[in-house]
């Protein structure tokens, strides 16, 4: 099966945390955060993000090390993991969406990962890198599958937006939403739609102020 597990290294996590912070300070004119979710020491969290940037592989590490301080892992496309094997050392594991059997193995691994204390998981439910769009995102059903198979876990949207209005370099805006509430009795397709709506609304809110008024955002 096409699967690469996470093999965390404290040194790699420490090193790439420093590298990521340095790169963000050099490659962006400014970085901003608006945080609507603050995990407690007992929280377990699945963060789902839009997938539009080269930076998406490093943003989860940055967010967790600087703001969340949880026991983090992330799901990454298998072909990207094969090209950049070091990601397994900072907590990523692979998913092969071209192989349903392998994809289920990855999702089950994700569920097992969430049994750890203070665990969190970062997932890009669009399943592939896409150009940024103001349209509602379209998710694969893996996020809803996780919701159906996890108990007492917060599902939190994170919007990533990089306008380039005020300088020659883009700015990085990160908005962390509140946990999504799912009504009882919804099927997987309906649950997926609720998650899509939650991230879409958060992206719209971010886009409406980012690089303009910056209302509610704190400069890092």
N, C-alpha and C. Protein backbone atom coordinates (compact mmCIF):
# COMPACT_ATOMS: atom_id res chain seq x y z
N UNK A 1 0.83 -1.20 0.00
CA UNK A 1 0.00 0.00 0.00
C UNK A 1 0.87 1.25 0.00
N UNK A 2 0.37 2.31 -0.60
CA UNK A 2 1.08 3.59 -0.62
C UNK A 2 0.77 4.36 0.65
N UNK A 3 1.61 4.17 1.66
CA UNK A 3 1.40 4.86 2.92
C UNK A 3 2.73 5.13 3.59
N UNK A 4 2.93 6.37 4.02
CA UNK A 4 4.13 6.76 4.75
C UNK A 4 3.67 7.27 6.11
N UNK A 5 4.03 6.60 7.21
CA UNK A 5 3.59 7.03 8.53
C UNK A 5 4.40 8.21 9.05
N UNK A 6 3.89 8.85 10.09
CA UNK A 6 4.64 9.90 10.78
C UNK A 6 5.73 9.28 11.64
N UNK A 7 6.91 9.86 11.60
CA UNK A 7 8.02 9.41 12.42
C UNK A 7 8.68 10.64 13.04
N UNK A 8 7.99 11.22 14.03
CA UNK A 8 8.40 12.50 14.57
C UNK A 8 9.81 12.47 15.17
N UNK A 9 10.52 13.56 14.95
CA UNK A 9 11.83 13.79 15.54
C UNK A 9 11.79 15.14 16.23
N UNK A 10 12.12 15.18 17.50
CA UNK A 10 12.13 16.46 18.22
C UNK A 10 13.09 17.45 17.56
N UNK A 11 14.22 16.95 17.10
CA UNK A 11 15.18 17.84 16.46
C UNK A 11 14.60 18.42 15.18
N UNK A 12 14.01 17.58 14.34
CA UNK A 12 13.44 18.07 13.08
C UNK A 12 12.33 19.08 13.35
N UNK A 13 11.47 18.81 14.34
CA UNK A 13 10.39 19.74 14.66
C UNK A 13 10.96 21.07 15.13
N UNK A 14 11.94 21.02 16.00
CA UNK A 14 12.58 22.26 16.49
C UNK A 14 13.24 23.01 15.34
N UNK A 15 13.99 22.28 14.50
CA UNK A 15 14.73 22.91 13.42
C UNK A 15 13.79 23.55 12.39
N UNK A 16 12.78 22.82 11.96
CA UNK A 16 11.89 23.35 10.93
C UNK A 16 10.95 24.42 11.48
N UNK A 17 10.73 24.40 12.78
CA UNK A 17 10.00 25.52 13.39
C UNK A 17 10.81 26.81 13.23
N UNK A 18 12.11 26.75 13.52
CA UNK A 18 12.97 27.93 13.35
C UNK A 18 13.04 28.35 11.88
N UNK A 19 13.19 27.37 10.99
CA UNK A 19 13.28 27.68 9.56
C UNK A 19 12.00 28.33 9.06
N UNK A 20 10.85 27.79 9.49
CA UNK A 20 9.57 28.32 9.04
C UNK A 20 9.37 29.75 9.51
N UNK A 21 9.67 30.03 10.76
CA UNK A 21 9.52 31.40 11.28
C UNK A 21 10.44 32.36 10.53
N UNK A 22 11.66 31.91 10.25
CA UNK A 22 12.59 32.76 9.50
C UNK A 22 12.08 33.03 8.09
N UNK A 23 11.61 31.98 7.42
CA UNK A 23 11.13 32.15 6.05
C UNK A 23 9.90 33.05 5.99
N UNK A 24 9.00 32.89 6.93
CA UNK A 24 7.81 33.75 6.96
C UNK A 24 8.22 35.21 7.13
N UNK A 25 9.17 35.47 7.99
CA UNK A 25 9.62 36.85 8.22
C UNK A 25 10.30 37.45 6.99
N UNK A 26 10.90 36.59 6.14
CA UNK A 26 11.62 37.07 4.97
C UNK A 26 10.74 37.12 3.72
N UNK A 27 9.82 36.18 3.57
CA UNK A 27 9.07 36.06 2.32
C UNK A 27 7.75 36.82 2.31
N UNK A 28 7.29 37.23 3.49
CA UNK A 28 6.04 37.99 3.57
C UNK A 28 6.31 39.39 4.10
N UNK A 29 5.58 40.35 3.56
CA UNK A 29 5.68 41.73 4.05
C UNK A 29 5.28 41.81 5.52
N UNK A 30 4.25 41.04 5.89
CA UNK A 30 3.79 40.96 7.28
C UNK A 30 2.94 39.71 7.43
N UNK A 31 2.84 39.21 8.65
CA UNK A 31 1.99 38.06 8.96
C UNK A 31 1.01 38.47 10.05
N UNK A 32 -0.23 37.97 9.93
CA UNK A 32 -1.32 38.37 10.82
C UNK A 32 -2.09 37.14 11.29
N UNK A 33 -2.68 37.25 12.48
CA UNK A 33 -3.49 36.16 13.03
C UNK A 33 -4.76 36.70 13.65
N UNK A 34 -5.84 35.99 13.47
CA UNK A 34 -7.08 36.23 14.20
C UNK A 34 -7.53 34.88 14.72
N UNK A 35 -7.55 34.76 16.03
CA UNK A 35 -7.73 33.45 16.65
C UNK A 35 -9.06 33.40 17.40
N UNK A 36 -9.98 32.57 16.90
CA UNK A 36 -11.27 32.39 17.54
C UNK A 36 -11.37 31.11 18.32
N UNK A 37 -10.26 30.37 18.39
CA UNK A 37 -10.25 29.07 19.08
C UNK A 37 -8.95 28.96 19.86
N UNK A 38 -9.09 28.61 21.15
CA UNK A 38 -7.95 28.48 22.03
C UNK A 38 -8.04 27.12 22.72
N UNK A 39 -7.34 26.12 22.22
CA UNK A 39 -7.46 24.78 22.81
C UNK A 39 -6.97 24.74 24.25
N UNK A 40 -7.67 24.00 25.08
CA UNK A 40 -7.25 23.79 26.46
C UNK A 40 -6.33 22.59 26.53
N UNK A 41 -5.84 22.30 27.72
CA UNK A 41 -4.93 21.16 27.88
C UNK A 41 -5.63 19.83 27.63
N UNK A 42 -6.96 19.83 27.65
CA UNK A 42 -7.71 18.59 27.40
C UNK A 42 -8.33 18.53 26.01
N UNK A 43 -8.13 19.58 25.22
CA UNK A 43 -8.75 19.64 23.89
C UNK A 43 -8.10 18.66 22.92
N UNK A 44 -8.92 18.09 22.06
CA UNK A 44 -8.46 17.36 20.89
C UNK A 44 -9.12 18.02 19.68
N UNK A 45 -8.34 18.25 18.62
CA UNK A 45 -8.81 19.14 17.56
C UNK A 45 -8.42 18.64 16.19
N UNK A 46 -9.37 18.73 15.25
CA UNK A 46 -9.07 18.57 13.83
C UNK A 46 -9.20 19.94 13.19
N UNK A 47 -8.10 20.46 12.64
CA UNK A 47 -8.11 21.74 11.95
C UNK A 47 -8.19 21.47 10.44
N UNK A 48 -9.13 22.12 9.75
CA UNK A 48 -9.23 21.94 8.31
C UNK A 48 -9.03 23.28 7.61
N UNK A 49 -8.19 23.28 6.58
CA UNK A 49 -7.68 24.49 5.96
C UNK A 49 -7.87 24.46 4.45
N UNK A 50 -7.91 25.64 3.83
CA UNK A 50 -7.89 25.73 2.38
C UNK A 50 -6.48 25.47 1.86
N UNK A 51 -6.39 24.90 0.66
CA UNK A 51 -5.12 24.37 0.16
C UNK A 51 -4.74 25.11 -1.12
N UNK A 52 -4.08 26.26 -0.98
CA UNK A 52 -3.79 27.12 -2.13
C UNK A 52 -2.33 27.52 -2.28
N UNK A 53 -1.47 27.16 -1.32
CA UNK A 53 -0.12 27.72 -1.29
C UNK A 53 0.96 26.66 -1.13
N UNK A 54 2.15 26.98 -1.64
CA UNK A 54 3.33 26.17 -1.36
C UNK A 54 3.55 26.07 0.15
N UNK A 55 3.18 27.11 0.88
CA UNK A 55 3.41 27.20 2.33
C UNK A 55 2.55 26.24 3.14
N UNK A 56 1.56 25.61 2.53
CA UNK A 56 0.60 24.80 3.29
C UNK A 56 1.25 23.63 4.03
N UNK A 57 2.42 23.19 3.57
CA UNK A 57 3.10 22.12 4.27
C UNK A 57 3.72 22.56 5.58
N UNK A 58 4.02 23.86 5.71
CA UNK A 58 4.70 24.37 6.90
C UNK A 58 3.79 25.16 7.83
N UNK A 59 2.68 25.67 7.32
CA UNK A 59 1.78 26.48 8.16
C UNK A 59 1.25 25.71 9.37
N UNK A 60 0.88 24.42 9.24
CA UNK A 60 0.44 23.70 10.45
C UNK A 60 1.50 23.67 11.55
N UNK A 61 2.76 23.46 11.17
CA UNK A 61 3.84 23.46 12.16
C UNK A 61 3.93 24.82 12.82
N UNK A 62 3.87 25.88 12.03
CA UNK A 62 3.95 27.24 12.56
C UNK A 62 2.80 27.53 13.52
N UNK A 63 1.58 27.20 13.11
CA UNK A 63 0.41 27.47 13.95
C UNK A 63 0.48 26.70 15.26
N UNK A 64 0.85 25.43 15.17
CA UNK A 64 0.84 24.63 16.39
C UNK A 64 1.94 25.03 17.35
N UNK A 65 3.12 25.29 16.85
CA UNK A 65 4.23 25.64 17.73
C UNK A 65 4.05 27.01 18.36
N UNK A 66 3.43 27.94 17.63
CA UNK A 66 3.32 29.31 18.14
C UNK A 66 2.04 29.55 18.92
N UNK A 67 0.94 28.85 18.55
CA UNK A 67 -0.37 29.19 19.14
C UNK A 67 -1.08 28.03 19.83
N UNK A 68 -1.07 26.84 19.28
CA UNK A 68 -1.92 25.78 19.80
C UNK A 68 -1.24 24.89 20.83
N UNK A 69 0.02 24.56 20.61
CA UNK A 69 0.83 23.76 21.54
C UNK A 69 0.18 22.40 21.83
N UNK A 70 -0.27 21.75 20.77
CA UNK A 70 -0.85 20.42 20.90
C UNK A 70 0.10 19.37 20.32
N UNK A 71 -0.31 18.13 20.43
CA UNK A 71 0.47 17.00 19.92
C UNK A 71 0.02 16.78 18.47
N UNK A 72 0.69 17.42 17.53
CA UNK A 72 0.15 17.61 16.17
C UNK A 72 0.66 16.58 15.17
N UNK A 73 -0.26 16.24 14.27
CA UNK A 73 0.08 15.51 13.05
C UNK A 73 -0.70 16.14 11.90
N UNK A 74 -0.28 15.81 10.68
CA UNK A 74 -0.93 16.38 9.50
C UNK A 74 -1.01 15.33 8.40
N UNK A 75 -2.08 15.40 7.61
CA UNK A 75 -2.24 14.51 6.45
C UNK A 75 -1.70 15.23 5.22
N UNK A 76 -0.90 14.50 4.43
CA UNK A 76 -0.25 15.09 3.25
C UNK A 76 -0.38 14.14 2.07
N UNK A 77 -0.51 14.71 0.87
CA UNK A 77 -0.61 13.89 -0.33
C UNK A 77 0.60 12.96 -0.45
N UNK A 78 0.35 11.72 -0.83
CA UNK A 78 1.42 10.73 -0.88
C UNK A 78 2.54 11.15 -1.83
N UNK A 79 2.18 11.68 -3.00
CA UNK A 79 3.22 12.06 -3.97
C UNK A 79 4.11 13.17 -3.41
N UNK A 80 3.52 14.08 -2.60
CA UNK A 80 4.33 15.14 -1.99
C UNK A 80 5.23 14.58 -0.90
N UNK A 81 4.71 13.61 -0.14
CA UNK A 81 5.52 12.98 0.91
C UNK A 81 6.70 12.23 0.31
N UNK A 82 6.50 11.60 -0.84
CA UNK A 82 7.59 10.88 -1.49
C UNK A 82 8.69 11.84 -1.93
N UNK A 83 8.29 13.03 -2.38
CA UNK A 83 9.27 14.02 -2.84
C UNK A 83 9.95 14.74 -1.69
N UNK A 84 9.24 14.88 -0.56
CA UNK A 84 9.76 15.64 0.58
C UNK A 84 9.62 14.78 1.84
N UNK A 85 10.48 13.78 1.94
CA UNK A 85 10.35 12.78 3.01
C UNK A 85 10.50 13.37 4.41
N UNK A 86 11.16 14.53 4.51
CA UNK A 86 11.38 15.12 5.84
C UNK A 86 10.07 15.46 6.55
N UNK A 87 8.98 15.62 5.78
CA UNK A 87 7.71 15.97 6.42
C UNK A 87 7.26 14.91 7.42
N UNK A 88 7.62 13.65 7.19
CA UNK A 88 7.25 12.60 8.16
C UNK A 88 7.93 12.84 9.50
N UNK A 89 9.09 13.50 9.48
CA UNK A 89 9.84 13.75 10.71
C UNK A 89 9.26 14.91 11.52
N UNK A 90 8.37 15.71 10.89
CA UNK A 90 7.71 16.79 11.64
C UNK A 90 6.23 16.47 11.88
N UNK A 91 5.84 15.20 11.64
CA UNK A 91 4.50 14.77 12.03
C UNK A 91 3.51 14.53 10.93
N UNK A 92 3.94 14.60 9.68
CA UNK A 92 3.01 14.36 8.57
C UNK A 92 2.97 12.87 8.23
N UNK A 93 1.83 12.42 7.74
CA UNK A 93 1.70 11.08 7.18
C UNK A 93 0.91 11.18 5.90
N UNK A 94 1.05 10.18 5.05
CA UNK A 94 0.56 10.32 3.68
C UNK A 94 -0.85 9.75 3.50
N UNK A 95 -1.48 10.25 2.43
CA UNK A 95 -2.75 9.68 1.96
C UNK A 95 -2.70 9.64 0.44
N UNK A 96 -3.09 8.50 -0.12
CA UNK A 96 -3.13 8.32 -1.56
C UNK A 96 -4.60 8.30 -1.99
N UNK A 97 -5.08 9.42 -2.50
CA UNK A 97 -6.48 9.54 -2.87
C UNK A 97 -6.82 8.77 -4.13
N UNK A 98 -5.81 8.29 -4.85
CA UNK A 98 -6.06 7.47 -6.03
C UNK A 98 -6.31 6.01 -5.67
N UNK A 99 -6.10 5.67 -4.40
CA UNK A 99 -6.30 4.30 -3.94
C UNK A 99 -7.24 4.31 -2.74
N UNK A 100 -8.52 3.99 -2.94
CA UNK A 100 -9.48 4.01 -1.83
C UNK A 100 -9.04 3.16 -0.64
N UNK A 101 -8.46 2.00 -0.90
CA UNK A 101 -8.02 1.12 0.19
C UNK A 101 -6.92 1.78 1.00
N UNK A 102 -5.96 2.40 0.30
CA UNK A 102 -4.87 3.08 0.99
C UNK A 102 -5.38 4.31 1.73
N UNK A 103 -6.34 5.04 1.13
CA UNK A 103 -6.89 6.23 1.77
C UNK A 103 -7.57 5.89 3.09
N UNK A 104 -8.31 4.78 3.11
CA UNK A 104 -8.96 4.36 4.35
C UNK A 104 -7.92 4.01 5.41
N UNK A 105 -6.83 3.38 4.99
CA UNK A 105 -5.76 3.07 5.94
C UNK A 105 -5.23 4.36 6.57
N UNK A 106 -5.05 5.39 5.75
CA UNK A 106 -4.55 6.67 6.26
C UNK A 106 -5.53 7.31 7.23
N UNK A 107 -6.82 7.24 6.92
CA UNK A 107 -7.83 7.82 7.79
C UNK A 107 -7.91 7.06 9.12
N UNK A 108 -7.76 5.75 9.07
CA UNK A 108 -7.74 4.96 10.31
C UNK A 108 -6.51 5.30 11.15
N UNK A 109 -5.40 5.53 10.48
CA UNK A 109 -4.18 5.97 11.17
C UNK A 109 -4.42 7.32 11.84
N UNK A 110 -5.16 8.19 11.15
CA UNK A 110 -5.50 9.50 11.72
C UNK A 110 -6.33 9.33 12.99
N UNK A 111 -7.31 8.43 12.96
CA UNK A 111 -8.15 8.18 14.14
C UNK A 111 -7.29 7.67 15.29
N UNK A 112 -6.37 6.76 15.01
CA UNK A 112 -5.47 6.25 16.05
C UNK A 112 -4.59 7.37 16.60
N UNK A 113 -4.14 8.27 15.72
CA UNK A 113 -3.31 9.39 16.16
C UNK A 113 -4.06 10.29 17.14
N UNK A 114 -5.38 10.40 16.97
CA UNK A 114 -6.17 11.27 17.83
C UNK A 114 -6.41 10.68 19.21
N UNK A 115 -5.96 9.46 19.45
CA UNK A 115 -6.07 8.86 20.78
C UNK A 115 -4.98 9.36 21.73
N UNK A 116 -3.98 10.02 21.18
CA UNK A 116 -2.89 10.54 22.01
C UNK A 116 -3.37 11.74 22.83
N UNK A 117 -2.71 12.00 23.93
CA UNK A 117 -3.05 13.15 24.77
C UNK A 117 -2.82 14.45 24.01
N UNK A 118 -3.74 15.41 24.18
CA UNK A 118 -3.64 16.74 23.57
C UNK A 118 -3.37 16.67 22.06
N UNK A 119 -3.97 15.70 21.41
CA UNK A 119 -3.71 15.48 19.99
C UNK A 119 -4.45 16.49 19.12
N UNK A 120 -3.86 16.76 17.97
CA UNK A 120 -4.56 17.53 16.94
C UNK A 120 -4.11 17.02 15.58
N UNK A 121 -4.94 17.33 14.59
CA UNK A 121 -4.68 16.88 13.23
C UNK A 121 -4.98 18.03 12.28
N UNK A 122 -4.09 18.26 11.32
CA UNK A 122 -4.32 19.25 10.28
C UNK A 122 -4.63 18.52 8.97
N UNK A 123 -5.70 18.96 8.30
CA UNK A 123 -6.11 18.31 7.07
C UNK A 123 -6.53 19.37 6.05
N UNK A 124 -6.15 19.14 4.81
CA UNK A 124 -6.58 19.98 3.69
C UNK A 124 -7.62 19.19 2.90
N UNK A 125 -8.90 19.36 3.23
CA UNK A 125 -9.93 18.44 2.71
C UNK A 125 -10.25 18.61 1.22
N UNK A 126 -9.70 19.64 0.57
CA UNK A 126 -9.86 19.72 -0.88
C UNK A 126 -9.07 18.61 -1.58
N UNK A 127 -8.06 18.08 -0.90
CA UNK A 127 -7.35 16.92 -1.41
C UNK A 127 -6.26 17.21 -2.41
N UNK A 128 -6.16 18.44 -2.88
CA UNK A 128 -5.12 18.81 -3.83
C UNK A 128 -4.92 20.31 -3.81
N UNK A 129 -3.75 20.72 -4.24
CA UNK A 129 -3.43 22.14 -4.30
C UNK A 129 -4.25 22.79 -5.42
N UNK A 130 -4.94 23.88 -5.09
CA UNK A 130 -5.77 24.59 -6.05
C UNK A 130 -5.50 26.08 -6.00
N UNK A 131 -5.72 26.75 -7.11
CA UNK A 131 -5.61 28.21 -7.12
C UNK A 131 -6.68 28.80 -6.21
N UNK A 132 -6.33 29.90 -5.54
CA UNK A 132 -7.30 30.52 -4.63
C UNK A 132 -8.52 30.99 -5.40
N UNK A 133 -9.68 30.77 -4.81
CA UNK A 133 -10.94 31.20 -5.41
C UNK A 133 -11.87 31.70 -4.32
N UNK A 134 -12.71 32.68 -4.66
CA UNK A 134 -13.71 33.16 -3.70
C UNK A 134 -14.94 32.27 -3.69
N UNK A 135 -14.97 31.25 -4.54
CA UNK A 135 -16.09 30.32 -4.57
C UNK A 135 -16.02 29.36 -3.38
N UNK A 136 -17.13 28.74 -3.08
CA UNK A 136 -17.19 27.74 -2.01
C UNK A 136 -16.26 26.59 -2.35
N UNK A 137 -15.40 26.16 -1.41
CA UNK A 137 -14.50 25.04 -1.69
C UNK A 137 -15.26 23.73 -1.82
N UNK A 138 -14.64 22.78 -2.49
CA UNK A 138 -15.23 21.46 -2.66
C UNK A 138 -14.33 20.44 -1.96
N UNK A 139 -14.86 19.77 -0.94
CA UNK A 139 -14.07 18.85 -0.12
C UNK A 139 -14.27 17.40 -0.57
N UNK A 140 -13.22 16.60 -0.41
CA UNK A 140 -13.38 15.15 -0.44
C UNK A 140 -14.13 14.75 0.83
N UNK A 141 -14.55 13.50 0.93
CA UNK A 141 -15.39 13.11 2.07
C UNK A 141 -14.59 12.62 3.28
N UNK A 142 -13.24 12.72 3.21
CA UNK A 142 -12.42 12.24 4.33
C UNK A 142 -12.65 12.99 5.62
N UNK A 143 -12.89 14.29 5.55
CA UNK A 143 -13.12 15.08 6.76
C UNK A 143 -14.41 14.63 7.45
N UNK A 144 -15.47 14.43 6.67
CA UNK A 144 -16.73 13.95 7.24
C UNK A 144 -16.56 12.55 7.80
N UNK A 145 -15.77 11.71 7.13
CA UNK A 145 -15.51 10.36 7.64
C UNK A 145 -14.84 10.44 9.01
N UNK A 146 -13.88 11.34 9.15
CA UNK A 146 -13.23 11.51 10.45
C UNK A 146 -14.23 11.96 11.51
N UNK A 147 -15.12 12.90 11.14
CA UNK A 147 -16.13 13.36 12.09
C UNK A 147 -16.99 12.19 12.57
N UNK A 148 -17.35 11.31 11.66
CA UNK A 148 -18.19 10.16 12.02
C UNK A 148 -17.46 9.15 12.90
N UNK A 149 -16.14 9.18 12.89
CA UNK A 149 -15.37 8.16 13.59
C UNK A 149 -14.58 8.69 14.78
N UNK A 150 -14.80 9.94 15.13
CA UNK A 150 -14.13 10.53 16.29
C UNK A 150 -15.16 11.09 17.26
N UNK A 151 -14.89 10.95 18.54
CA UNK A 151 -15.77 11.48 19.59
C UNK A 151 -15.04 12.54 20.39
N UNK A 152 -15.80 13.55 20.83
CA UNK A 152 -15.27 14.60 21.69
C UNK A 152 -14.03 15.27 21.09
N UNK A 153 -14.13 15.59 19.83
CA UNK A 153 -13.07 16.27 19.10
C UNK A 153 -13.65 17.53 18.46
N UNK A 154 -12.96 18.66 18.61
CA UNK A 154 -13.38 19.90 17.97
C UNK A 154 -12.92 19.91 16.51
N UNK A 155 -13.81 20.33 15.62
CA UNK A 155 -13.48 20.50 14.20
C UNK A 155 -13.47 21.99 13.91
N UNK A 156 -12.28 22.52 13.59
CA UNK A 156 -12.07 23.96 13.56
C UNK A 156 -11.54 24.39 12.18
N UNK A 157 -12.21 25.32 11.50
CA UNK A 157 -11.71 25.81 10.22
C UNK A 157 -10.58 26.82 10.40
N UNK A 158 -9.66 26.82 9.45
CA UNK A 158 -8.56 27.80 9.44
C UNK A 158 -8.46 28.35 8.02
N UNK A 159 -8.61 29.67 7.89
CA UNK A 159 -8.52 30.33 6.59
C UNK A 159 -7.11 30.88 6.37
N UNK A 160 -6.58 30.64 5.18
CA UNK A 160 -5.27 31.15 4.80
C UNK A 160 -5.47 32.07 3.59
N UNK A 161 -4.98 33.30 3.70
CA UNK A 161 -5.18 34.26 2.62
C UNK A 161 -3.93 35.12 2.49
N UNK A 162 -3.48 35.37 1.27
CA UNK A 162 -2.23 36.10 1.06
C UNK A 162 -2.43 37.23 0.04
N UNK A 163 -3.00 38.37 0.47
CA UNK A 163 -3.15 39.50 -0.45
C UNK A 163 -1.81 40.17 -0.72
N UNK A 164 -1.76 40.94 -1.81
CA UNK A 164 -0.52 41.63 -2.17
C UNK A 164 -0.86 43.07 -2.56
N UNK A 165 -1.60 43.74 -1.68
CA UNK A 165 -2.09 45.10 -1.95
C UNK A 165 -1.10 46.19 -1.55
N UNK A 166 -0.38 46.00 -0.45
CA UNK A 166 0.31 47.12 0.18
C UNK A 166 1.82 47.12 0.01
N UNK A 167 2.36 46.08 -0.61
CA UNK A 167 3.81 46.00 -0.76
C UNK A 167 4.13 45.05 -1.90
N UNK A 168 5.40 44.98 -2.27
CA UNK A 168 5.80 44.09 -3.35
C UNK A 168 5.74 42.62 -2.93
N UNK A 169 5.80 42.39 -1.61
CA UNK A 169 5.66 41.04 -1.08
C UNK A 169 4.23 40.82 -0.61
N UNK A 170 3.73 39.58 -0.65
CA UNK A 170 2.39 39.31 -0.11
C UNK A 170 2.39 39.38 1.41
N UNK A 171 1.19 39.50 1.98
CA UNK A 171 1.00 39.39 3.42
C UNK A 171 0.31 38.07 3.72
N UNK A 172 0.60 37.50 4.86
CA UNK A 172 0.01 36.23 5.26
C UNK A 172 -1.03 36.47 6.34
N UNK A 173 -2.29 36.13 6.05
CA UNK A 173 -3.38 36.25 7.01
C UNK A 173 -3.88 34.86 7.37
N UNK A 174 -3.91 34.59 8.67
CA UNK A 174 -4.39 33.31 9.20
C UNK A 174 -5.55 33.59 10.14
N UNK A 175 -6.72 33.05 9.82
CA UNK A 175 -7.86 33.22 10.73
C UNK A 175 -8.35 31.85 11.19
N UNK A 176 -8.32 31.67 12.50
CA UNK A 176 -8.75 30.42 13.13
C UNK A 176 -10.19 30.61 13.61
N UNK A 177 -11.10 29.82 13.08
CA UNK A 177 -12.50 29.97 13.43
C UNK A 177 -12.86 29.27 14.72
N UNK A 178 -14.14 29.20 14.98
CA UNK A 178 -14.66 28.49 16.14
C UNK A 178 -15.06 27.07 15.74
N UNK A 179 -15.17 26.15 16.70
CA UNK A 179 -15.56 24.78 16.36
C UNK A 179 -16.91 24.74 15.64
N UNK A 180 -16.98 23.90 14.62
CA UNK A 180 -18.19 23.76 13.82
C UNK A 180 -19.17 22.85 14.54
N UNK A 181 -20.43 23.27 14.59
CA UNK A 181 -21.48 22.47 15.20
C UNK A 181 -22.22 21.71 14.11
N UNK A 182 -22.36 20.41 14.28
CA UNK A 182 -23.04 19.55 13.32
C UNK A 182 -24.33 19.02 13.93
N UNK A 183 -25.44 19.19 13.24
CA UNK A 183 -26.71 18.67 13.72
C UNK A 183 -26.72 17.15 13.66
N UNK A 184 -27.45 16.53 14.56
CA UNK A 184 -27.60 15.07 14.54
C UNK A 184 -28.37 14.63 13.31
N UNK A 185 -28.04 13.46 12.82
CA UNK A 185 -28.82 12.86 11.75
C UNK A 185 -28.38 13.21 10.34
N UNK A 186 -27.33 14.01 10.19
CA UNK A 186 -26.88 14.35 8.85
C UNK A 186 -26.06 13.21 8.25
N UNK A 187 -26.18 13.03 6.94
CA UNK A 187 -25.36 12.03 6.28
C UNK A 187 -24.00 12.64 5.92
N UNK A 188 -23.13 11.81 5.37
CA UNK A 188 -21.75 12.25 5.12
C UNK A 188 -21.70 13.42 4.14
N UNK A 189 -22.51 13.37 3.10
CA UNK A 189 -22.53 14.45 2.13
C UNK A 189 -22.98 15.76 2.77
N UNK A 190 -23.97 15.68 3.65
CA UNK A 190 -24.47 16.88 4.32
C UNK A 190 -23.44 17.42 5.32
N UNK A 191 -22.76 16.53 6.02
CA UNK A 191 -21.71 16.96 6.94
C UNK A 191 -20.59 17.67 6.17
N UNK A 192 -20.21 17.11 5.04
CA UNK A 192 -19.19 17.73 4.20
C UNK A 192 -19.61 19.14 3.79
N UNK A 193 -20.87 19.30 3.43
CA UNK A 193 -21.38 20.61 3.02
C UNK A 193 -21.31 21.62 4.16
N UNK A 194 -21.60 21.19 5.38
CA UNK A 194 -21.51 22.08 6.54
C UNK A 194 -20.07 22.55 6.73
N UNK A 195 -19.12 21.63 6.60
CA UNK A 195 -17.71 21.99 6.74
C UNK A 195 -17.27 22.94 5.62
N UNK A 196 -17.72 22.68 4.41
CA UNK A 196 -17.39 23.57 3.29
C UNK A 196 -17.91 24.98 3.55
N UNK A 197 -19.15 25.07 4.02
CA UNK A 197 -19.75 26.38 4.32
C UNK A 197 -18.96 27.11 5.40
N UNK A 198 -18.54 26.38 6.42
CA UNK A 198 -17.82 27.01 7.54
C UNK A 198 -16.50 27.62 7.07
N UNK A 199 -15.74 26.89 6.26
CA UNK A 199 -14.47 27.42 5.78
C UNK A 199 -14.70 28.55 4.78
N UNK A 200 -15.72 28.40 3.93
CA UNK A 200 -16.02 29.43 2.94
C UNK A 200 -16.36 30.76 3.62
N UNK A 201 -17.20 30.71 4.65
CA UNK A 201 -17.58 31.93 5.36
C UNK A 201 -16.36 32.56 6.05
N UNK A 202 -15.49 31.72 6.60
CA UNK A 202 -14.29 32.25 7.27
C UNK A 202 -13.36 32.90 6.25
N UNK A 203 -13.23 32.29 5.08
CA UNK A 203 -12.40 32.89 4.03
C UNK A 203 -12.99 34.22 3.56
N UNK A 204 -14.31 34.29 3.43
CA UNK A 204 -14.96 35.54 3.02
C UNK A 204 -14.71 36.64 4.03
N UNK A 205 -14.82 36.30 5.32
CA UNK A 205 -14.58 37.28 6.37
C UNK A 205 -13.13 37.76 6.34
N UNK A 206 -12.23 36.84 6.12
CA UNK A 206 -10.80 37.19 6.05
C UNK A 206 -10.53 38.10 4.86
N UNK A 207 -11.03 37.71 3.70
CA UNK A 207 -10.80 38.46 2.47
C UNK A 207 -11.38 39.87 2.54
N UNK A 208 -12.46 40.03 3.29
CA UNK A 208 -13.14 41.34 3.35
C UNK A 208 -12.34 42.41 4.09
N UNK A 209 -11.41 41.99 4.94
CA UNK A 209 -10.64 42.97 5.72
C UNK A 209 -9.13 42.88 5.53
N UNK A 210 -8.64 41.73 5.07
CA UNK A 210 -7.19 41.51 4.99
C UNK A 210 -6.55 42.43 3.96
N UNK A 211 -5.54 43.14 4.39
CA UNK A 211 -4.85 44.08 3.52
C UNK A 211 -5.59 45.39 3.34
N UNK A 212 -6.74 45.51 3.99
CA UNK A 212 -7.55 46.72 3.90
C UNK A 212 -7.63 47.37 5.28
N UNK A 213 -8.61 46.96 6.10
CA UNK A 213 -8.70 47.50 7.46
C UNK A 213 -7.97 46.62 8.47
N UNK A 214 -7.78 45.33 8.15
CA UNK A 214 -7.16 44.34 9.05
C UNK A 214 -7.94 44.18 10.36
N UNK A 215 -9.21 44.50 10.33
CA UNK A 215 -10.03 44.48 11.55
C UNK A 215 -9.99 43.11 12.23
N UNK A 216 -9.67 43.13 13.52
CA UNK A 216 -9.65 41.91 14.32
C UNK A 216 -8.36 41.11 14.26
N UNK A 217 -7.47 41.45 13.34
CA UNK A 217 -6.23 40.71 13.19
C UNK A 217 -5.10 41.34 14.01
N UNK A 218 -4.23 40.48 14.48
CA UNK A 218 -3.05 40.93 15.24
C UNK A 218 -1.81 40.65 14.41
N UNK A 219 -0.95 41.65 14.30
CA UNK A 219 0.28 41.50 13.53
C UNK A 219 1.28 40.68 14.32
N UNK A 220 1.92 39.74 13.68
CA UNK A 220 2.88 38.87 14.36
C UNK A 220 4.30 39.48 14.29
